[in-house]
Amino acid sequence: MNIPKELKYSKDHEWVKVEGNVAIIGVTDFAQSQLGDVVFVELPDELSTVKVGDSFSVIESVKAVSDIYAPVSGKIVKVNQALTDSPDLINQEPYGEGWIVVIEMSDSSELDDLLDSDAYAQLAAEGGH
């Protein structure tokens, strides 16, 4: 299982890459492996706002339908439209081309509530709960 050290993680299995005041968000390698083949991604509207814990996207796989929750609050400034035609990018490159949204953070202190890679590895090893 791939858990990059430089990222932060939510307990809901989203990863967060911080670049200045924006956060790039996707689902973890663990989450995509649990979902199986992703067949559809419902993307949010650009410029919509989210709060921590809000469901902003839905991923449908051959096994399940899962909500994706905002790990940080802010405005969605970019949506990965490539997922519309190629939802399997989440399976192929969960930390690369399979990103879902970019959020302009309204409160960067929320990053302190996220897990580091070691804590997330422990969560995933315990079954993800």
Protein backbone atom coordinates (compact mmCIF):
# COMPACT_ATOMS: atom_id res chain seq x y z
CA MET A 1 0.00 0.00 0.00
CA ASN A 2 1.34 3.38 -1.03
CA ILE A 3 1.14 6.14 1.64
CA PRO A 4 3.31 9.11 0.60
CA LYS A 5 5.06 10.76 3.56
CA GLU A 6 4.55 14.31 2.27
CA LEU A 7 0.73 14.18 2.31
CA LYS A 8 -1.84 14.55 5.08
CA TYR A 9 -4.80 12.20 5.46
CA SER A 10 -8.34 12.21 6.80
CA LYS A 11 -9.90 9.36 8.73
CA ASP A 12 -12.37 9.15 5.82
CA HIS A 13 -9.48 8.12 3.50
CA GLU A 14 -8.92 11.34 1.59
CA TRP A 15 -5.40 12.60 1.04
CA VAL A 16 -4.45 16.28 1.10
CA LYS A 17 -1.52 17.91 -0.65
CA VAL A 18 -0.99 21.48 0.51
CA GLU A 19 0.41 24.04 -1.92
CA GLY A 20 0.30 27.54 -0.44
CA ASN A 21 -3.30 28.30 0.47
CA VAL A 22 -4.83 25.52 -1.63
CA ALA A 23 -5.29 21.83 -0.91
CA ILE A 24 -5.39 19.19 -3.61
CA ILE A 25 -7.73 16.39 -2.55
CA GLY A 26 -8.06 12.76 -3.65
CA VAL A 27 -8.78 9.34 -2.20
CA THR A 28 -6.01 7.17 -0.83
CA ASP A 29 -4.50 4.08 -2.41
CA PHE A 30 -6.06 2.08 0.45
CA ALA A 31 -9.53 3.51 -0.30
CA GLN A 32 -9.35 2.88 -4.03
CA SER A 33 -8.20 -0.69 -3.41
CA GLN A 34 -11.13 -1.26 -1.06
CA LEU A 35 -13.57 0.21 -3.60
CA GLY A 36 -12.36 -1.87 -6.52
CA ASP A 37 -12.80 -0.66 -10.09
CA VAL A 38 -14.14 2.90 -10.09
CA VAL A 39 -16.80 3.32 -12.80
CA PHE A 40 -18.22 6.79 -12.11
CA VAL A 41 -17.31 9.94 -10.20
CA GLU A 42 -19.89 12.62 -9.41
CA LEU A 43 -17.94 15.86 -9.32
CA PRO A 44 -18.91 19.04 -7.43
CA ASP A 45 -19.43 22.43 -9.02
CA GLU A 46 -16.43 24.71 -9.21
CA LEU A 47 -16.66 27.73 -6.91
CA SER A 48 -18.98 25.93 -4.51
CA THR A 49 -17.98 26.05 -0.86
CA VAL A 50 -17.53 23.16 1.53
CA LYS A 51 -16.97 22.75 5.24
CA VAL A 52 -14.96 20.01 6.93
CA GLY A 53 -16.97 16.80 6.84
CA ASP A 54 -19.29 17.88 4.01
CA SER A 55 -19.85 15.30 1.29
CA PHE A 56 -18.73 16.95 -1.96
CA SER A 57 -18.38 14.03 -4.36
CA VAL A 58 -19.57 10.47 -4.87
CA ILE A 59 -17.48 7.61 -6.21
CA GLU A 60 -19.25 4.60 -7.68
CA SER A 61 -17.31 1.38 -8.07
CA VAL A 62 -18.18 -2.18 -8.94
CA LYS A 63 -18.41 -2.90 -5.20
CA ALA A 64 -19.99 0.19 -3.65
CA VAL A 65 -21.03 3.81 -3.80
CA SER A 66 -19.04 6.05 -1.45
CA ASP A 67 -19.33 9.68 -0.45
CA ILE A 68 -16.15 11.73 -0.44
CA TYR A 69 -15.86 14.18 2.46
CA ALA A 70 -14.09 17.50 2.59
CA PRO A 71 -10.99 17.25 4.81
CA VAL A 72 -10.72 21.07 4.87
CA SER A 73 -13.15 23.98 4.49
CA GLY A 74 -13.09 26.44 1.65
CA LYS A 75 -13.99 27.12 -1.96
CA ILE A 76 -13.59 24.49 -4.65
CA VAL A 77 -11.46 26.29 -7.22
CA LYS A 78 -10.73 23.39 -9.57
CA VAL A 79 -12.37 20.06 -10.41
CA ASN A 80 -10.62 17.20 -12.19
CA GLN A 81 -12.83 16.99 -15.29
CA ALA A 82 -10.68 14.13 -16.63
CA LEU A 83 -12.50 11.86 -14.16
CA THR A 84 -15.71 12.32 -16.15
CA ASP A 85 -14.32 10.33 -19.06
CA SER A 86 -11.76 8.28 -17.13
CA PRO A 87 -12.95 7.57 -13.58
CA ASP A 88 -10.44 4.71 -13.48
CA LEU A 89 -7.68 7.32 -13.03
CA ILE A 90 -8.50 7.00 -9.33
CA ASN A 91 -7.46 3.34 -9.48
CA GLN A 92 -4.46 3.92 -11.70
CA GLU A 93 -2.96 7.04 -10.07
CA PRO A 94 -4.74 7.85 -6.80
CA TYR A 95 -2.03 10.37 -5.82
CA GLY A 96 -1.44 11.73 -9.32
CA GLU A 97 -3.88 12.14 -12.20
CA GLY A 98 -6.68 10.72 -10.03
CA TRP A 99 -6.98 13.83 -7.84
CA ILE A 100 -10.57 15.06 -7.42
CA VAL A 101 -10.65 18.75 -6.45
CA VAL A 102 -8.54 21.70 -5.40
CA ILE A 103 -9.89 23.66 -2.43
CA GLU A 104 -8.83 27.19 -1.54
CA MET A 105 -8.68 26.81 2.22
CA SER A 106 -10.59 29.21 4.44
CA ASP A 107 -8.92 27.98 7.66
CA SER A 108 -5.52 26.34 7.31
CA SER A 109 -5.52 25.44 11.03
CA GLU A 110 -7.87 22.57 10.07
CA LEU A 111 -4.81 20.83 8.64
CA ASP A 112 -3.71 20.20 12.23
CA ASP A 113 -6.63 17.78 12.63
CA LEU A 114 -5.47 15.55 9.76
CA LEU A 115 -3.27 12.46 10.10
CA ASP A 116 0.35 12.14 9.06
CA SER A 117 1.43 9.17 6.96
CA ASP A 118 2.39 7.02 9.96
CA ALA A 119 -0.94 7.56 11.71
CA TYR A 120 -2.82 6.87 8.48
CA ALA A 121 -0.81 3.69 7.89
CA GLN A 122 -1.86 2.50 11.34
CA LEU A 123 -5.51 3.35 10.61
CA ALA A 124 -5.41 1.43 7.33
CA ALA A 125 -3.67 -1.54 9.00
CA GLU A 126 -6.50 -1.69 11.51
CA GLY A 127 -8.97 -2.04 8.66
CA GLY A 128 -9.57 1.62 7.98
CA HIS A 129 -11.88 2.45 10.87
